[in-house]
Amino acid sequence: MNLKSDIKDVINSIVAVGTLNNGQLNILGSGFCVHSNQFILTTAHLIQNFSPDQLTNLGCMVASETEGHLLKYNWFNVEVQTKALENDMAILKLKPNTQPNLLKPLKIEFSESIVEGQDVYFIGFPYAVNLLKDGFGLTLIANKGIISSVKRKAQAPNPLDWFIVDAISNPGNSGCPLIDIESNKVIGVMSISFRIPSQVNPALDIREPMHIAGAKPISLSQTMLDGIE
């Protein structure tokens, strides 16, 4: 286990999901490659209220080449392959004109044996638009934590429902992979950033992050992934 090399191994598989309309880029969240070099898993709530016209502007920023120490990102349109609002997951497909072998699928662990205390990290594009405006460029950010609570559905056989992670997650991380540090396999998809009204100045329209975040177990996507053709 070497976290530095493990992160390096996955960064080219993670994309920024957003819209491009009349040259205006708006990053909504994150996603990651799950099959061949075309299929992206993300959260369904990013596109839940999109109109058909808005969906035509949907796409991903993909790291298409490396120049020295720099990642160069390019825009590719996508179409919605399938989505499951009850599990907050969606599969996007890069359109056919995409360069071949641009992405590689991340390794996935469909385990029901995830337990509290497991070391994890997640990596995505939080506050991507803000960082772009501030001159930092498109910025992929990694966060480390542990599984602090495992939530299961009440109905038998009590399948996994949520992972609560002891880490700060920010807007834009939705859709990024939650990865087990020991195996470097995806075990969840980041879905919720818990935040509270400002305690410093409640009149301000801002939210302060809580040191907990929510992820949907990757096992909830298994039927969707098995249906990819």
C-alpha atoms as a PDB file:
ATOM      1  CA  MET A   1       0.000   0.000   0.000  1.00  0.00           C
ATOM      2  CA  ASN A   2       1.435   3.339  -1.111  1.00  0.00           C
ATOM      3  CA  LEU A   3      -1.136   6.122  -1.094  1.00  0.00           C
ATOM      4  CA  LYS A   4       0.967   8.433  -3.256  1.00  0.00           C
ATOM      5  CA  SER A   5       1.281   5.904  -6.064  1.00  0.00           C
ATOM      6  CA  ASP A   6      -2.315   4.722  -5.597  1.00  0.00           C
ATOM      7  CA  ILE A   7      -3.642   8.259  -6.121  1.00  0.00           C
ATOM      8  CA  LYS A   8      -1.406   8.682  -9.160  1.00  0.00           C
ATOM      9  CA  ASP A   9      -2.848   5.454 -10.553  1.00  0.00           C
ATOM     10  CA  VAL A  10      -6.484   6.657 -10.445  1.00  0.00           C
ATOM     11  CA  ILE A  11      -6.377  10.367 -11.305  1.00  0.00           C
ATOM     12  CA  ASN A  12      -6.642   9.866 -15.079  1.00  0.00           C
ATOM     13  CA  SER A  13      -9.874   7.886 -14.539  1.00  0.00           C
ATOM     14  CA  ILE A  14     -11.705  10.713 -12.759  1.00  0.00           C
ATOM     15  CA  VAL A  15     -13.629  13.385 -14.659  1.00  0.00           C
ATOM     16  CA  ALA A  16     -15.357  16.685 -13.929  1.00  0.00           C
ATOM     17  CA  VAL A  17     -19.035  16.544 -14.898  1.00  0.00           C
ATOM     18  CA  GLY A  18     -20.744  19.705 -16.070  1.00  0.00           C
ATOM     19  CA  THR A  19     -22.235  21.707 -18.912  1.00  0.00           C
ATOM     20  CA  LEU A  20     -20.734  23.779 -21.699  1.00  0.00           C
ATOM     21  CA  ASN A  21     -23.116  26.357 -23.115  1.00  0.00           C
ATOM     22  CA  ASN A  22     -21.962  29.096 -25.509  1.00  0.00           C
ATOM     23  CA  GLY A  23     -18.421  28.702 -24.256  1.00  0.00           C
ATOM     24  CA  GLN A  24     -19.453  28.974 -20.594  1.00  0.00           C
ATOM     25  CA  LEU A  25     -18.160  26.013 -18.562  1.00  0.00           C
ATOM     26  CA  ASN A  26     -20.070  25.058 -15.396  1.00  0.00           C
ATOM     27  CA  ILE A  27     -18.720  22.133 -13.351  1.00  0.00           C
ATOM     28  CA  LEU A  28     -21.493  20.418 -11.389  1.00  0.00           C
ATOM     29  CA  GLY A  29     -19.663  17.489  -9.813  1.00  0.00           C
ATOM     30  CA  SER A  30     -17.384  14.560 -10.436  1.00  0.00           C
ATOM     31  CA  GLY A  31     -17.457  11.096 -11.980  1.00  0.00           C
ATOM     32  CA  PHE A  32     -15.178   8.188 -12.772  1.00  0.00           C
ATOM     33  CA  CYS A  33     -14.701   5.558 -15.452  1.00  0.00           C
ATOM     34  CA  VAL A  34     -16.308   2.198 -14.671  1.00  0.00           C
ATOM     35  CA  HIS A  35     -16.295   0.303 -17.978  1.00  0.00           C
ATOM     36  CA  SER A  36     -14.205   0.279 -21.183  1.00  0.00           C
ATOM     37  CA  ASN A  37     -13.089   3.838 -21.928  1.00  0.00           C
ATOM     38  CA  GLN A  38     -16.541   5.380 -22.384  1.00  0.00           C
ATOM     39  CA  PHE A  39     -18.748   4.826 -19.334  1.00  0.00           C
ATOM     40  CA  ILE A  40     -18.778   7.223 -16.369  1.00  0.00           C
ATOM     41  CA  LEU A  41     -20.491   6.679 -13.015  1.00  0.00           C
ATOM     42  CA  THR A  42     -21.704   9.756 -11.142  1.00  0.00           C
ATOM     43  CA  THR A  43     -24.577  10.854  -8.892  1.00  0.00           C
ATOM     44  CA  ALA A  44     -28.080  11.154 -10.330  1.00  0.00           C
ATOM     45  CA  HIS A  45     -28.927  14.333  -8.415  1.00  0.00           C
ATOM     46  CA  LEU A  46     -26.503  16.318 -10.587  1.00  0.00           C
ATOM     47  CA  ILE A  47     -28.793  15.880 -13.591  1.00  0.00           C
ATOM     48  CA  GLN A  48     -32.111  15.098 -11.905  1.00  0.00           C
ATOM     49  CA  ASN A  49     -33.865  18.296 -12.984  1.00  0.00           C
ATOM     50  CA  PHE A  50     -32.245  18.741 -16.394  1.00  0.00           C
ATOM     51  CA  SER A  51     -34.462  19.481 -19.372  1.00  0.00           C
ATOM     52  CA  PRO A  52     -33.799  17.716 -22.710  1.00  0.00           C
ATOM     53  CA  ASP A  53     -32.143  20.911 -23.986  1.00  0.00           C
ATOM     54  CA  GLN A  54     -29.847  21.081 -20.969  1.00  0.00           C
ATOM     55  CA  LEU A  55     -28.857  17.444 -21.455  1.00  0.00           C
ATOM     56  CA  THR A  56     -27.503  18.307 -24.909  1.00  0.00           C
ATOM     57  CA  ASN A  57     -24.894  20.499 -23.178  1.00  0.00           C
ATOM     58  CA  LEU A  58     -23.851  17.798 -20.681  1.00  0.00           C
ATOM     59  CA  GLY A  59     -20.277  16.584 -20.777  1.00  0.00           C
ATOM     60  CA  CYS A  60     -17.050  15.852 -18.941  1.00  0.00           C
ATOM     61  CA  MET A  61     -13.636  17.399 -18.618  1.00  0.00           C
ATOM     62  CA  VAL A  62     -11.209  14.538 -19.170  1.00  0.00           C
ATOM     63  CA  ALA A  63      -7.443  14.445 -18.601  1.00  0.00           C
ATOM     64  CA  SER A  64      -6.476  13.657 -22.182  1.00  0.00           C
ATOM     65  CA  GLU A  65      -2.705  13.966 -21.958  1.00  0.00           C
ATOM     66  CA  THR A  66       0.109  14.766 -19.572  1.00  0.00           C
ATOM     67  CA  GLU A  67       2.569  17.514 -20.350  1.00  0.00           C
ATOM     68  CA  GLY A  68       5.471  17.157 -17.951  1.00  0.00           C
ATOM     69  CA  HIS A  69       3.948  17.555 -14.501  1.00  0.00           C
ATOM     70  CA  LEU A  70       0.727  19.056 -15.884  1.00  0.00           C
ATOM     71  CA  LEU A  71      -2.573  17.361 -16.708  1.00  0.00           C
ATOM     72  CA  LYS A  72      -4.266  18.754 -19.799  1.00  0.00           C
ATOM     73  CA  TYR A  73      -8.062  18.548 -19.769  1.00  0.00           C
ATOM     74  CA  ASN A  74     -10.373  18.471 -22.781  1.00  0.00           C
ATOM     75  CA  TRP A  75     -14.163  18.636 -23.055  1.00  0.00           C
ATOM     76  CA  PHE A  76     -16.228  15.695 -24.305  1.00  0.00           C
ATOM     77  CA  ASN A  77     -20.001  15.532 -24.628  1.00  0.00           C
ATOM     78  CA  VAL A  78     -21.849  12.680 -22.928  1.00  0.00           C
ATOM     79  CA  GLU A  79     -25.295  11.140 -23.011  1.00  0.00           C
ATOM     80  CA  VAL A  80     -27.189   9.676 -20.065  1.00  0.00           C
ATOM     81  CA  GLN A  81     -27.112   5.896 -20.334  1.00  0.00           C
ATOM     82  CA  THR A  82     -29.215   5.122 -17.249  1.00  0.00           C
ATOM     83  CA  LYS A  83     -29.964   6.522 -13.797  1.00  0.00           C
ATOM     84  CA  ALA A  84     -31.428   5.323 -10.509  1.00  0.00           C
ATOM     85  CA  LEU A  85     -32.702   8.202  -8.405  1.00  0.00           C
ATOM     86  CA  GLU A  86     -33.439   5.917  -5.431  1.00  0.00           C
ATOM     87  CA  ASN A  87     -29.712   5.135  -5.156  1.00  0.00           C
ATOM     88  CA  ASP A  88     -28.542   8.523  -6.469  1.00  0.00           C
ATOM     89  CA  MET A  89     -26.466   7.019  -9.262  1.00  0.00           C
ATOM     90  CA  ALA A  90     -26.257   7.601 -12.995  1.00  0.00           C
ATOM     91  CA  ILE A  91     -24.165   6.213 -15.820  1.00  0.00           C
ATOM     92  CA  LEU A  92     -22.991   8.563 -18.565  1.00  0.00           C
ATOM     93  CA  LYS A  93     -21.519   7.519 -21.891  1.00  0.00           C
ATOM     94  CA  LEU A  94     -18.909   9.515 -23.734  1.00  0.00           C
ATOM     95  CA  LYS A  95     -20.091  10.133 -27.280  1.00  0.00           C
ATOM     96  CA  PRO A  96     -18.594   7.994 -30.069  1.00  0.00           C
ATOM     97  CA  ASN A  97     -16.171  10.622 -31.389  1.00  0.00           C
ATOM     98  CA  THR A  98     -14.168  10.411 -28.163  1.00  0.00           C
ATOM     99  CA  GLN A  99     -10.527   9.403 -28.523  1.00  0.00           C
ATOM    100  CA  PRO A 100     -10.018   5.674 -27.889  1.00  0.00           C
ATOM    101  CA  ASN A 101      -8.252   4.489 -24.733  1.00  0.00           C
ATOM    102  CA  LEU A 102      -8.646   7.897 -23.101  1.00  0.00           C
ATOM    103  CA  LEU A 103      -9.899   6.508 -19.780  1.00  0.00           C
ATOM    104  CA  LYS A 104      -9.352   3.285 -17.890  1.00  0.00           C
ATOM    105  CA  PRO A 105     -11.953   1.798 -15.525  1.00  0.00           C
ATOM    106  CA  LEU A 106     -11.255   1.919 -11.816  1.00  0.00           C
ATOM    107  CA  LYS A 107     -11.247  -1.354  -9.913  1.00  0.00           C
ATOM    108  CA  ILE A 108     -14.466  -1.925  -7.975  1.00  0.00           C
ATOM    109  CA  GLU A 109     -15.171  -3.929  -4.824  1.00  0.00           C
ATOM    110  CA  PHE A 110     -18.815  -5.030  -4.499  1.00  0.00           C
ATOM    111  CA  SER A 111     -18.360  -6.005  -0.866  1.00  0.00           C
ATOM    112  CA  GLU A 112     -21.047  -6.092   1.822  1.00  0.00           C
ATOM    113  CA  SER A 113     -18.315  -6.405   4.469  1.00  0.00           C
ATOM    114  CA  ILE A 114     -17.316  -2.745   4.757  1.00  0.00           C
ATOM    115  CA  VAL A 115     -16.886  -1.868   8.437  1.00  0.00           C
ATOM    116  CA  GLU A 116     -16.347   1.163  10.631  1.00  0.00           C
ATOM    117  CA  GLY A 117     -12.719   2.193  10.922  1.00  0.00           C
ATOM    118  CA  GLN A 118     -11.757   1.292   7.360  1.00  0.00           C
ATOM    119  CA  ASP A 119      -9.269   3.776   5.877  1.00  0.00           C
ATOM    120  CA  VAL A 120     -10.558   5.463   2.727  1.00  0.00           C
ATOM    121  CA  TYR A 121      -9.928   8.400   0.443  1.00  0.00           C
ATOM    122  CA  PHE A 122     -11.990  10.211  -2.161  1.00  0.00           C
ATOM    123  CA  ILE A 123     -10.824  12.341  -5.042  1.00  0.00           C
ATOM    124  CA  GLY A 124     -12.840  14.756  -7.149  1.00  0.00           C
ATOM    125  CA  PHE A 125     -13.424  18.364  -8.215  1.00  0.00           C
ATOM    126  CA  PRO A 126     -14.833  20.369  -5.263  1.00  0.00           C
ATOM    127  CA  TYR A 127     -15.509  24.064  -5.853  1.00  0.00           C
ATOM    128  CA  ALA A 128     -14.202  23.620  -9.403  1.00  0.00           C
ATOM    129  CA  VAL A 129     -15.803  26.778 -10.797  1.00  0.00           C
ATOM    130  CA  ASN A 130     -14.541  28.883  -7.890  1.00  0.00           C
ATOM    131  CA  LEU A 131     -10.998  27.569  -8.272  1.00  0.00           C
ATOM    132  CA  LEU A 132     -11.089  28.222 -12.012  1.00  0.00           C
ATOM    133  CA  LYS A 133     -12.150  31.828 -11.416  1.00  0.00           C
ATOM    134  CA  ASP A 134      -9.374  32.244  -8.831  1.00  0.00           C
ATOM    135  CA  GLY A 135      -6.750  31.149 -11.374  1.00  0.00           C
ATOM    136  CA  PHE A 136      -6.009  27.654 -10.068  1.00  0.00           C
ATOM    137  CA  GLY A 137      -7.263  25.885 -13.172  1.00  0.00           C
ATOM    138  CA  LEU A 138      -9.240  22.658 -13.063  1.00  0.00           C
ATOM    139  CA  THR A 139      -8.146  21.150  -9.747  1.00  0.00           C
ATOM    140  CA  LEU A 140      -8.429  17.515  -8.678  1.00  0.00           C
ATOM    141  CA  ILE A 141      -8.411  17.264  -4.861  1.00  0.00           C
ATOM    142  CA  ALA A 142      -7.907  14.194  -2.662  1.00  0.00           C
ATOM    143  CA  ASN A 143      -9.266  13.782   0.893  1.00  0.00           C
ATOM    144  CA  LYS A 144      -8.451  11.033   3.376  1.00  0.00           C
ATOM    145  CA  GLY A 145     -10.679   9.689   6.156  1.00  0.00           C
ATOM    146  CA  ILE A 146     -12.259   6.602   7.678  1.00  0.00           C
ATOM    147  CA  ILE A 147     -15.629   4.918   7.464  1.00  0.00           C
ATOM    148  CA  SER A 148     -17.209   6.249  10.643  1.00  0.00           C
ATOM    149  CA  SER A 149     -20.625   4.616  10.284  1.00  0.00           C
ATOM    150  CA  VAL A 150     -22.191   1.961   8.051  1.00  0.00           C
ATOM    151  CA  LYS A 151     -25.936   2.349   7.481  1.00  0.00           C
ATOM    152  CA  ARG A 152     -28.111  -0.517   6.202  1.00  0.00           C
ATOM    153  CA  LYS A 153     -31.653  -0.655   4.898  1.00  0.00           C
ATOM    154  CA  ALA A 154     -34.281  -1.880   7.331  1.00  0.00           C
ATOM    155  CA  GLN A 155     -35.710  -4.440   4.930  1.00  0.00           C
ATOM    156  CA  ALA A 156     -34.185  -7.934   4.926  1.00  0.00           C
ATOM    157  CA  PRO A 157     -31.533  -8.908   3.976  1.00  0.00           C
ATOM    158  CA  ASN A 158     -30.472  -5.459   5.222  1.00  0.00           C
ATOM    159  CA  PRO A 159     -28.244  -4.382   2.313  1.00  0.00           C
ATOM    160  CA  LEU A 160     -25.862  -1.464   2.584  1.00  0.00           C
ATOM    161  CA  ASP A 161     -27.465   1.951   2.200  1.00  0.00           C
ATOM    162  CA  TRP A 162     -24.953   4.635   3.259  1.00  0.00           C
ATOM    163  CA  PHE A 163     -21.364   5.088   4.356  1.00  0.00           C
ATOM    164  CA  ILE A 164     -20.749   8.031   6.686  1.00  0.00           C
ATOM    165  CA  VAL A 165     -17.167   9.198   6.226  1.00  0.00           C
ATOM    166  CA  ASP A 166     -15.084  11.085   8.777  1.00  0.00           C
ATOM    167  CA  ALA A 167     -13.889  13.797   6.378  1.00  0.00           C
ATOM    168  CA  ILE A 168     -14.905  17.162   4.965  1.00  0.00           C
ATOM    169  CA  SER A 169     -16.549  16.948   1.551  1.00  0.00           C
ATOM    170  CA  ASN A 170     -17.431  20.040  -0.440  1.00  0.00           C
ATOM    171  CA  PRO A 171     -19.839  20.806  -3.295  1.00  0.00           C
ATOM    172  CA  GLY A 172     -18.417  19.326  -6.487  1.00  0.00           C
ATOM    173  CA  ASN A 173     -17.286  16.083  -4.863  1.00  0.00           C
ATOM    174  CA  SER A 174     -20.662  14.504  -5.623  1.00  0.00           C
ATOM    175  CA  GLY A 175     -20.031  11.586  -7.961  1.00  0.00           C
ATOM    176  CA  CYS A 176     -16.388  11.060  -7.111  1.00  0.00           C
ATOM    177  CA  PRO A 177     -15.141   7.623  -6.001  1.00  0.00           C
ATOM    178  CA  LEU A 178     -14.729   6.576  -2.375  1.00  0.00           C
ATOM    179  CA  ILE A 179     -11.723   4.266  -2.419  1.00  0.00           C
ATOM    180  CA  ASP A 180     -10.500   1.719   0.122  1.00  0.00           C
ATOM    181  CA  ILE A 181      -6.889   2.561   0.911  1.00  0.00           C
ATOM    182  CA  GLU A 182      -5.749  -1.039   1.429  1.00  0.00           C
ATOM    183  CA  SER A 183      -7.041  -2.402  -1.894  1.00  0.00           C
ATOM    184  CA  ASN A 184      -7.260   0.844  -3.919  1.00  0.00           C
ATOM    185  CA  LYS A 185     -10.695  -0.303  -5.113  1.00  0.00           C
ATOM    186  CA  VAL A 186     -13.861   1.803  -5.266  1.00  0.00           C
ATOM    187  CA  ILE A 187     -16.312   0.959  -2.478  1.00  0.00           C
ATOM    188  CA  GLY A 188     -18.638   3.962  -2.731  1.00  0.00           C
ATOM    189  CA  VAL A 189     -19.725   7.112  -4.548  1.00  0.00           C
ATOM    190  CA  MET A 190     -19.618  10.412  -2.679  1.00  0.00           C
ATOM    191  CA  SER A 191     -23.129  11.859  -2.535  1.00  0.00           C
ATOM    192  CA  ILE A 192     -23.703  14.293   0.359  1.00  0.00           C
ATOM    193  CA  SER A 193     -21.724  17.174   1.826  1.00  0.00           C
ATOM    194  CA  PHE A 194     -23.123  17.891   5.297  1.00  0.00           C
ATOM    195  CA  ARG A 195     -23.068  21.603   6.045  1.00  0.00           C
ATOM    196  CA  ILE A 196     -24.634  23.969   8.593  1.00  0.00           C
ATOM    197  CA  PRO A 197     -25.469  27.723   8.543  1.00  0.00           C
ATOM    198  CA  SER A 198     -22.572  29.967   9.433  1.00  0.00           C
ATOM    199  CA  GLN A 199     -21.991  30.160  13.173  1.00  0.00           C
ATOM    200  CA  VAL A 200     -19.816  33.254  12.736  1.00  0.00           C
ATOM    201  CA  ASN A 201     -22.369  35.346  10.864  1.00  0.00           C
ATOM    202  CA  PRO A 202     -25.756  33.616  10.395  1.00  0.00           C
ATOM    203  CA  ALA A 203     -26.939  36.476   8.176  1.00  0.00           C
ATOM    204  CA  LEU A 204     -24.482  35.464   5.459  1.00  0.00           C
ATOM    205  CA  ASP A 205     -25.693  33.066   2.779  1.00  0.00           C
ATOM    206  CA  ILE A 206     -22.887  30.583   3.341  1.00  0.00           C
ATOM    207  CA  ARG A 207     -22.557  27.119   4.832  1.00  0.00           C
ATOM    208  CA  GLU A 208     -19.794  25.817   7.061  1.00  0.00           C
ATOM    209  CA  PRO A 209     -18.658  22.241   6.422  1.00  0.00           C
ATOM    210  CA  MET A 210     -19.215  19.532   9.005  1.00  0.00           C
ATOM    211  CA  HIS A 211     -16.515  16.904   9.400  1.00  0.00           C
ATOM    212  CA  ILE A 212     -18.796  14.163   8.065  1.00  0.00           C
ATOM    213  CA  ALA A 213     -19.818  13.212   4.535  1.00  0.00           C
ATOM    214  CA  GLY A 214     -22.109  10.640   2.965  1.00  0.00           C
ATOM    215  CA  ALA A 215     -21.384   8.093   0.237  1.00  0.00           C
ATOM    216  CA  LYS A 216     -23.615   5.554  -1.463  1.00  0.00           C
ATOM    217  CA  PRO A 217     -22.120   2.026  -1.479  1.00  0.00           C
ATOM    218  CA  ILE A 218     -20.877   1.007  -4.919  1.00  0.00           C
ATOM    219  CA  SER A 219     -22.755  -2.288  -4.501  1.00  0.00           C
ATOM    220  CA  LEU A 220     -25.980  -0.340  -5.197  1.00  0.00           C
ATOM    221  CA  SER A 221     -24.750   0.225  -8.753  1.00  0.00           C
ATOM    222  CA  GLN A 222     -23.985  -3.424  -9.550  1.00  0.00           C
ATOM    223  CA  THR A 223     -27.189  -4.068 -11.530  1.00  0.00           C
ATOM    224  CA  MET A 224     -26.638  -0.881 -13.531  1.00  0.00           C
ATOM    225  CA  LEU A 225     -23.049  -1.797 -14.284  1.00  0.00           C
ATOM    226  CA  ASP A 226     -23.949  -5.351 -15.253  1.00  0.00           C
ATOM    227  CA  GLY A 227     -26.348  -3.864 -17.818  1.00  0.00           C
ATOM    228  CA  ILE A 228     -23.689  -1.888 -19.668  1.00  0.00           C
ATOM    229  CA  GLU A 229     -23.269  -3.026 -23.269  1.00  0.00           C
END
